[in-house]
C-alpha cells in the first residue's frame, strides 16, 4: 500500500519547492519554519555520494565531532577490562566477556559500542547482532581505540558515527529543530567538510551528488552544495 502522509506533513511539503536546490542557510531556515509535532524533532542530513556502493574499497565510514553537539543523550557500551574499564566509567555499560555474553542473549539497549583493541576477541563474535544495527565498533569510526575513556567523552559531547548504506547514501543527525539556525549550519558544515576528506581515490565525478536536510517528521529540502 502507498504511504499516506499526515495533513500536517502535506501542508509543510507544499512550502518546499522540490525542483529547487536551496542555499544551505535558506534550506535550514525553511525546515525550522515548517510546522511540526509537539516534540523537539531531530534534524537529519542525507548525502548521496559518488561511489560504487557494491565495491568495499569505496565504502565510506567515519566519525566527526559536531561543534554544537547533537542535543541527544546517547547510551554507550564499552568493551574494556582492568584500568581501561575503570577509566571508562562515564559509559553506560562496561564489560568484557560478560558484556559480550549479555549481548549474545539479546541485550541491545544502547546506541553504540566502543572497544579497546584487545577486546575484539569478544566483539568479533557479535557481528551478527551488532552489524545489522550499525553498532559494530570500527577503527575507521574511531570506536576501536586504546583510549576508550577519551572516545566515550567525545561521543557523549557530540561526536557522531556514519557509514554508507546500500544506496551510496550517508545519513547523520546534526542537531535538534530547537537549535539556532547558526548552530545547525555549523554542524552541517562540519559534517560535510569532514565527509569531503573521506572521498575514496576510486570515486569518479561529483562526490557530494545530492544533500537533503529534513526533520524527523518533515519533508526533505535539497541543498545547493558544491
C-alpha atoms as a PDB file:
ATOM      1  CA  UNK A   1       0.000   0.000   0.000  1.00  0.00           C
ATOM      2  CA  UNK A   2       1.260   3.520  -0.731  1.00  0.00           C
ATOM      3  CA  UNK A   3       2.466   5.512   2.260  1.00  0.00           C
ATOM      4  CA  UNK A   4      -0.088   8.121   3.334  1.00  0.00           C
ATOM      5  CA  UNK A   5       1.329  11.302   4.834  1.00  0.00           C
ATOM      6  CA  UNK A   6      -0.409  13.304   7.522  1.00  0.00           C
ATOM      7  CA  UNK A   7      -2.233  16.528   6.757  1.00  0.00           C
ATOM      8  CA  UNK A   8       0.477  18.442   8.634  1.00  0.00           C
ATOM      9  CA  UNK A   9       3.220  16.837   6.502  1.00  0.00           C
ATOM     10  CA  UNK A  10       1.399  17.619   3.278  1.00  0.00           C
ATOM     11  CA  UNK A  11       0.873  21.220   4.351  1.00  0.00           C
ATOM     12  CA  UNK A  12       4.582  21.557   5.126  1.00  0.00           C
ATOM     13  CA  UNK A  13       5.564  19.856   1.862  1.00  0.00           C
ATOM     14  CA  UNK A  14       3.558  22.462  -0.109  1.00  0.00           C
ATOM     15  CA  UNK A  15       6.044  25.085   1.087  1.00  0.00           C
ATOM     16  CA  UNK A  16       9.020  23.194  -0.329  1.00  0.00           C
ATOM     17  CA  UNK A  17       9.930  23.575  -3.997  1.00  0.00           C
ATOM     18  CA  UNK A  18      11.001  20.032  -4.925  1.00  0.00           C
ATOM     19  CA  UNK A  19      12.644  21.271  -8.138  1.00  0.00           C
ATOM     20  CA  UNK A  20      14.904  23.685  -6.284  1.00  0.00           C
ATOM     21  CA  UNK A  21      18.192  23.263  -4.507  1.00  0.00           C
ATOM     22  CA  UNK A  22      18.218  25.811  -1.713  1.00  0.00           C
ATOM     23  CA  UNK A  23      21.246  27.681  -0.413  1.00  0.00           C
ATOM     24  CA  UNK A  24      22.211  25.866   2.827  1.00  0.00           C
ATOM     25  CA  UNK A  25      21.247  28.744   5.132  1.00  0.00           C
ATOM     26  CA  UNK A  26      17.941  29.167   3.272  1.00  0.00           C
ATOM     27  CA  UNK A  27      17.211  25.436   3.491  1.00  0.00           C
ATOM     28  CA  UNK A  28      17.929  25.294   7.229  1.00  0.00           C
ATOM     29  CA  UNK A  29      15.705  28.325   7.816  1.00  0.00           C
ATOM     30  CA  UNK A  30      12.949  26.658   5.798  1.00  0.00           C
ATOM     31  CA  UNK A  31      12.882  23.375   7.728  1.00  0.00           C
ATOM     32  CA  UNK A  32      12.922  25.311  11.013  1.00  0.00           C
ATOM     33  CA  UNK A  33       9.903  27.329   9.854  1.00  0.00           C
ATOM     34  CA  UNK A  34       7.735  24.333   8.962  1.00  0.00           C
ATOM     35  CA  UNK A  35       5.074  23.307  11.455  1.00  0.00           C
ATOM     36  CA  UNK A  36       5.913  20.026  13.133  1.00  0.00           C
ATOM     37  CA  UNK A  37       4.808  17.785  16.006  1.00  0.00           C
ATOM     38  CA  UNK A  38       4.954  18.843  19.637  1.00  0.00           C
ATOM     39  CA  UNK A  39       8.278  17.122  20.390  1.00  0.00           C
ATOM     40  CA  UNK A  40      11.680  18.552  19.502  1.00  0.00           C
ATOM     41  CA  UNK A  41      12.471  16.866  16.203  1.00  0.00           C
ATOM     42  CA  UNK A  42      15.942  15.759  15.166  1.00  0.00           C
ATOM     43  CA  UNK A  43      17.431  17.448  12.105  1.00  0.00           C
ATOM     44  CA  UNK A  44      18.944  14.914   9.720  1.00  0.00           C
ATOM     45  CA  UNK A  45      21.142  15.227   6.666  1.00  0.00           C
ATOM     46  CA  UNK A  46      21.266  12.624   3.899  1.00  0.00           C
ATOM     47  CA  UNK A  47      24.033  12.786   1.323  1.00  0.00           C
ATOM     48  CA  UNK A  48      24.134  10.753  -1.878  1.00  0.00           C
ATOM     49  CA  UNK A  49      27.834  10.328  -2.631  1.00  0.00           C
ATOM     50  CA  UNK A  50      29.553   9.457  -5.899  1.00  0.00           C
ATOM     51  CA  UNK A  51      30.803   5.953  -5.158  1.00  0.00           C
ATOM     52  CA  UNK A  52      30.006   2.400  -6.218  1.00  0.00           C
ATOM     53  CA  UNK A  53      28.432   1.011  -3.041  1.00  0.00           C
ATOM     54  CA  UNK A  54      28.960  -2.557  -4.307  1.00  0.00           C
ATOM     55  CA  UNK A  55      32.734  -2.160  -4.037  1.00  0.00           C
ATOM     56  CA  UNK A  56      34.049  -2.419  -0.479  1.00  0.00           C
ATOM     57  CA  UNK A  57      37.115  -0.282  -1.214  1.00  0.00           C
ATOM     58  CA  UNK A  58      34.835   2.671  -1.965  1.00  0.00           C
ATOM     59  CA  UNK A  59      32.613   2.454   1.114  1.00  0.00           C
ATOM     60  CA  UNK A  60      32.814   5.486   3.378  1.00  0.00           C
ATOM     61  CA  UNK A  61      32.704   5.205   7.147  1.00  0.00           C
ATOM     62  CA  UNK A  62      33.871   7.615   9.788  1.00  0.00           C
ATOM     63  CA  UNK A  63      33.113   9.872  12.707  1.00  0.00           C
ATOM     64  CA  UNK A  64      33.168  13.601  13.291  1.00  0.00           C
ATOM     65  CA  UNK A  65      32.717  15.903  16.269  1.00  0.00           C
ATOM     66  CA  UNK A  66      29.858  18.345  15.754  1.00  0.00           C
ATOM     67  CA  UNK A  67      30.857  21.753  17.166  1.00  0.00           C
ATOM     68  CA  UNK A  68      27.392  22.418  18.611  1.00  0.00           C
ATOM     69  CA  UNK A  69      26.692  18.858  19.790  1.00  0.00           C
ATOM     70  CA  UNK A  70      23.717  16.710  18.830  1.00  0.00           C
ATOM     71  CA  UNK A  71      21.207  17.652  21.518  1.00  0.00           C
ATOM     72  CA  UNK A  72      20.732  13.934  22.097  1.00  0.00           C
ATOM     73  CA  UNK A  73      21.683  11.784  25.055  1.00  0.00           C
ATOM     74  CA  UNK A  74      23.230   8.503  23.886  1.00  0.00           C
ATOM     75  CA  UNK A  75      23.887   5.214  25.648  1.00  0.00           C
ATOM     76  CA  UNK A  76      27.342   3.749  25.109  1.00  0.00           C
ATOM     77  CA  UNK A  77      28.508   0.185  25.746  1.00  0.00           C
ATOM     78  CA  UNK A  78      32.261  -0.151  26.221  1.00  0.00           C
ATOM     79  CA  UNK A  79      34.335  -3.303  25.919  1.00  0.00           C
ATOM     80  CA  UNK A  80      37.283  -2.883  28.238  1.00  0.00           C
ATOM     81  CA  UNK A  81      38.903  -4.567  31.209  1.00  0.00           C
ATOM     82  CA  UNK A  82      41.216  -3.559  34.038  1.00  0.00           C
ATOM     83  CA  UNK A  83      42.433   0.030  34.148  1.00  0.00           C
ATOM     84  CA  UNK A  84      40.723   0.927  30.873  1.00  0.00           C
ATOM     85  CA  UNK A  85      37.398  -0.232  32.250  1.00  0.00           C
ATOM     86  CA  UNK A  86      37.894   1.953  35.325  1.00  0.00           C
ATOM     87  CA  UNK A  87      38.698   4.948  33.137  1.00  0.00           C
ATOM     88  CA  UNK A  88      35.562   4.423  31.024  1.00  0.00           C
ATOM     89  CA  UNK A  89      33.037   4.692  33.834  1.00  0.00           C
ATOM     90  CA  UNK A  90      31.341   7.604  32.051  1.00  0.00           C
ATOM     91  CA  UNK A  91      29.930   4.965  29.682  1.00  0.00           C
ATOM     92  CA  UNK A  92      26.545   3.411  30.394  1.00  0.00           C
ATOM     93  CA  UNK A  93      27.743  -0.199  30.241  1.00  0.00           C
ATOM     94  CA  UNK A  94      31.305  -1.515  30.639  1.00  0.00           C
ATOM     95  CA  UNK A  95      32.491  -5.094  30.422  1.00  0.00           C
ATOM     96  CA  UNK A  96      34.394  -7.796  28.581  1.00  0.00           C
ATOM     97  CA  UNK A  97      33.340 -11.398  28.139  1.00  0.00           C
ATOM     98  CA  UNK A  98      30.370 -10.792  30.437  1.00  0.00           C
ATOM     99  CA  UNK A  99      29.065  -7.922  28.300  1.00  0.00           C
ATOM    100  CA  UNK A 100      29.556  -9.943  25.108  1.00  0.00           C
ATOM    101  CA  UNK A 101      27.559 -12.816  26.573  1.00  0.00           C
ATOM    102  CA  UNK A 102      24.786 -10.440  27.612  1.00  0.00           C
ATOM    103  CA  UNK A 103      24.577  -9.016  24.078  1.00  0.00           C
ATOM    104  CA  UNK A 104      24.572 -12.502  22.550  1.00  0.00           C
ATOM    105  CA  UNK A 105      21.489 -13.233  24.661  1.00  0.00           C
ATOM    106  CA  UNK A 106      19.651 -10.232  23.202  1.00  0.00           C
ATOM    107  CA  UNK A 107      20.705  -7.138  25.184  1.00  0.00           C
ATOM    108  CA  UNK A 108      20.876  -4.157  22.793  1.00  0.00           C
ATOM    109  CA  UNK A 109      19.678  -1.251  24.935  1.00  0.00           C
ATOM    110  CA  UNK A 110      22.495   1.064  23.832  1.00  0.00           C
ATOM    111  CA  UNK A 111      23.160   3.313  20.837  1.00  0.00           C
ATOM    112  CA  UNK A 112      26.781   2.467  20.062  1.00  0.00           C
ATOM    113  CA  UNK A 113      29.773   0.418  21.177  1.00  0.00           C
ATOM    114  CA  UNK A 114      33.389   1.349  21.805  1.00  0.00           C
ATOM    115  CA  UNK A 115      36.099  -1.263  22.288  1.00  0.00           C
ATOM    116  CA  UNK A 116      39.767  -1.361  23.155  1.00  0.00           C
ATOM    117  CA  UNK A 117      41.715  -3.397  20.538  1.00  0.00           C
ATOM    118  CA  UNK A 118      42.366  -6.318  22.904  1.00  0.00           C
ATOM    119  CA  UNK A 119      38.603  -6.753  23.388  1.00  0.00           C
ATOM    120  CA  UNK A 120      37.940  -7.555  19.724  1.00  0.00           C
ATOM    121  CA  UNK A 121      38.339 -11.237  20.610  1.00  0.00           C
ATOM    122  CA  UNK A 122      34.923 -10.865  22.260  1.00  0.00           C
ATOM    123  CA  UNK A 123      33.393  -8.228  19.987  1.00  0.00           C
ATOM    124  CA  UNK A 124      34.290 -10.064  16.774  1.00  0.00           C
ATOM    125  CA  UNK A 125      31.804 -12.783  17.639  1.00  0.00           C
ATOM    126  CA  UNK A 126      28.961 -10.269  17.872  1.00  0.00           C
ATOM    127  CA  UNK A 127      28.895  -9.244  14.213  1.00  0.00           C
ATOM    128  CA  UNK A 128      25.544 -10.908  13.511  1.00  0.00           C
ATOM    129  CA  UNK A 129      23.947  -8.986  16.380  1.00  0.00           C
ATOM    130  CA  UNK A 130      25.680  -5.603  16.196  1.00  0.00           C
ATOM    131  CA  UNK A 131      26.316  -5.405  12.438  1.00  0.00           C
ATOM    132  CA  UNK A 132      22.703  -5.136  11.219  1.00  0.00           C
ATOM    133  CA  UNK A 133      22.052  -2.452  13.859  1.00  0.00           C
ATOM    134  CA  UNK A 134      25.080  -0.387  12.821  1.00  0.00           C
ATOM    135  CA  UNK A 135      26.609  -0.790  16.278  1.00  0.00           C
ATOM    136  CA  UNK A 136      29.730  -2.803  15.412  1.00  0.00           C
ATOM    137  CA  UNK A 137      32.836  -0.853  16.523  1.00  0.00           C
ATOM    138  CA  UNK A 138      35.374   0.035  13.856  1.00  0.00           C
ATOM    139  CA  UNK A 139      38.826   1.675  13.791  1.00  0.00           C
ATOM    140  CA  UNK A 140      37.666   3.881  10.882  1.00  0.00           C
ATOM    141  CA  UNK A 141      34.845   5.254  13.003  1.00  0.00           C
ATOM    142  CA  UNK A 142      37.116   5.826  15.989  1.00  0.00           C
ATOM    143  CA  UNK A 143      35.226   3.263  18.052  1.00  0.00           C
ATOM    144  CA  UNK A 144      38.058   0.754  18.303  1.00  0.00           C
ATOM    145  CA  UNK A 145      40.731   2.590  20.256  1.00  0.00           C
ATOM    146  CA  UNK A 146      43.134   2.046  23.160  1.00  0.00           C
ATOM    147  CA  UNK A 147      41.886   5.303  24.704  1.00  0.00           C
ATOM    148  CA  UNK A 148      38.300   4.281  25.367  1.00  0.00           C
ATOM    149  CA  UNK A 149      37.782   6.944  28.041  1.00  0.00           C
ATOM    150  CA  UNK A 150      38.547   9.777  25.589  1.00  0.00           C
ATOM    151  CA  UNK A 151      36.300   8.194  22.952  1.00  0.00           C
ATOM    152  CA  UNK A 152      33.393   7.991  25.405  1.00  0.00           C
ATOM    153  CA  UNK A 153      33.864  11.645  26.320  1.00  0.00           C
ATOM    154  CA  UNK A 154      33.927  12.727  22.658  1.00  0.00           C
ATOM    155  CA  UNK A 155      30.829  10.776  21.638  1.00  0.00           C
ATOM    156  CA  UNK A 156      28.909  11.909  24.705  1.00  0.00           C
ATOM    157  CA  UNK A 157      29.834  15.505  23.794  1.00  0.00           C
ATOM    158  CA  UNK A 158      28.538  15.303  20.234  1.00  0.00           C
ATOM    159  CA  UNK A 159      30.783  13.126  18.107  1.00  0.00           C
ATOM    160  CA  UNK A 160      28.781  11.052  15.620  1.00  0.00           C
ATOM    161  CA  UNK A 161      29.412   7.950  13.519  1.00  0.00           C
ATOM    162  CA  UNK A 162      28.252   7.484   9.946  1.00  0.00           C
ATOM    163  CA  UNK A 163      28.552   4.891   7.213  1.00  0.00           C
ATOM    164  CA  UNK A 164      27.481   4.349   3.609  1.00  0.00           C
ATOM    165  CA  UNK A 165      24.248   2.442   3.058  1.00  0.00           C
ATOM    166  CA  UNK A 166      23.463   0.115   0.128  1.00  0.00           C
ATOM    167  CA  UNK A 167      22.261   3.043  -1.976  1.00  0.00           C
ATOM    168  CA  UNK A 168      25.516   5.034  -1.604  1.00  0.00           C
ATOM    169  CA  UNK A 169      23.905   7.406   0.886  1.00  0.00           C
ATOM    170  CA  UNK A 170      25.334   8.677   4.162  1.00  0.00           C
ATOM    171  CA  UNK A 171      22.936   9.742   6.930  1.00  0.00           C
ATOM    172  CA  UNK A 172      23.663  11.771  10.060  1.00  0.00           C
ATOM    173  CA  UNK A 173      21.790  13.653  12.760  1.00  0.00           C
ATOM    174  CA  UNK A 174      23.132  17.192  13.023  1.00  0.00           C
ATOM    175  CA  UNK A 175      21.096  18.556  15.925  1.00  0.00           C
ATOM    176  CA  UNK A 176      17.586  19.402  17.050  1.00  0.00           C
ATOM    177  CA  UNK A 177      14.992  21.666  15.462  1.00  0.00           C
ATOM    178  CA  UNK A 178      15.200  23.870  18.562  1.00  0.00           C
ATOM    179  CA  UNK A 179      18.861  24.629  17.760  1.00  0.00           C
ATOM    180  CA  UNK A 180      19.522  28.061  16.311  1.00  0.00           C
ATOM    181  CA  UNK A 181      19.993  28.235  12.537  1.00  0.00           C
ATOM    182  CA  UNK A 182      23.639  29.218  13.122  1.00  0.00           C
ATOM    183  CA  UNK A 183      24.270  26.140  15.276  1.00  0.00           C
ATOM    184  CA  UNK A 184      22.672  23.832  12.722  1.00  0.00           C
ATOM    185  CA  UNK A 185      24.743  25.439   9.967  1.00  0.00           C
ATOM    186  CA  UNK A 186      27.936  24.969  11.999  1.00  0.00           C
ATOM    187  CA  UNK A 187      27.156  21.281  12.470  1.00  0.00           C
ATOM    188  CA  UNK A 188      26.143  20.802   8.830  1.00  0.00           C
ATOM    189  CA  UNK A 189      29.333  22.419   7.564  1.00  0.00           C
ATOM    190  CA  UNK A 190      31.499  20.387   9.944  1.00  0.00           C
ATOM    191  CA  UNK A 191      29.876  17.165   8.736  1.00  0.00           C
ATOM    192  CA  UNK A 192      30.125  17.986   5.021  1.00  0.00           C
ATOM    193  CA  UNK A 193      33.702  19.273   5.313  1.00  0.00           C
ATOM    194  CA  UNK A 194      34.752  16.046   7.021  1.00  0.00           C
ATOM    195  CA  UNK A 195      32.842  13.900   4.533  1.00  0.00           C
ATOM    196  CA  UNK A 196      34.750  15.527   1.666  1.00  0.00           C
ATOM    197  CA  UNK A 197      38.047  14.415   3.218  1.00  0.00           C
ATOM    198  CA  UNK A 198      36.919  10.767   3.036  1.00  0.00           C
ATOM    199  CA  UNK A 199      36.472  10.685  -0.746  1.00  0.00           C
ATOM    200  CA  UNK A 200      37.925   7.370  -1.975  1.00  0.00           C
ATOM    201  CA  UNK A 201      40.589   7.671  -4.704  1.00  0.00           C
ATOM    202  CA  UNK A 202      38.437   5.433  -6.933  1.00  0.00           C
ATOM    203  CA  UNK A 203      35.411   7.779  -6.786  1.00  0.00           C
ATOM    204  CA  UNK A 204      34.706   9.478 -10.112  1.00  0.00           C
ATOM    205  CA  UNK A 205      32.917  12.721 -10.930  1.00  0.00           C
ATOM    206  CA  UNK A 206      30.951  14.754  -8.414  1.00  0.00           C
ATOM    207  CA  UNK A 207      31.336  13.396  -4.866  1.00  0.00           C
ATOM    208  CA  UNK A 208      28.529  15.147  -2.970  1.00  0.00           C
ATOM    209  CA  UNK A 209      25.824  14.439  -5.546  1.00  0.00           C
ATOM    210  CA  UNK A 210      22.774  15.405  -3.508  1.00  0.00           C
ATOM    211  CA  UNK A 211      22.392  16.806   0.002  1.00  0.00           C
ATOM    212  CA  UNK A 212      18.985  16.812   1.687  1.00  0.00           C
ATOM    213  CA  UNK A 213      18.064  18.066   5.152  1.00  0.00           C
ATOM    214  CA  UNK A 214      14.866  17.207   6.972  1.00  0.00           C
ATOM    215  CA  UNK A 215      13.335  16.990  10.421  1.00  0.00           C
ATOM    216  CA  UNK A 216      12.128  13.701  11.919  1.00  0.00           C
ATOM    217  CA  UNK A 217       8.601  14.035  10.552  1.00  0.00           C
ATOM    218  CA  UNK A 218       9.061  16.748   7.950  1.00  0.00           C
ATOM    219  CA  UNK A 219       9.694  16.842   4.183  1.00  0.00           C
ATOM    220  CA  UNK A 220      13.190  16.843   2.748  1.00  0.00           C
ATOM    221  CA  UNK A 221      14.789  20.036   1.456  1.00  0.00           C
ATOM    222  CA  UNK A 222      17.566  19.685  -1.150  1.00  0.00           C
ATOM    223  CA  UNK A 223      20.565  21.936  -0.733  1.00  0.00           C
ATOM    224  CA  UNK A 224      22.904  23.503  -3.276  1.00  0.00           C
ATOM    225  CA  UNK A 225      26.286  22.254  -2.057  1.00  0.00           C
ATOM    226  CA  UNK A 226      29.485  22.208  -4.071  1.00  0.00           C
END
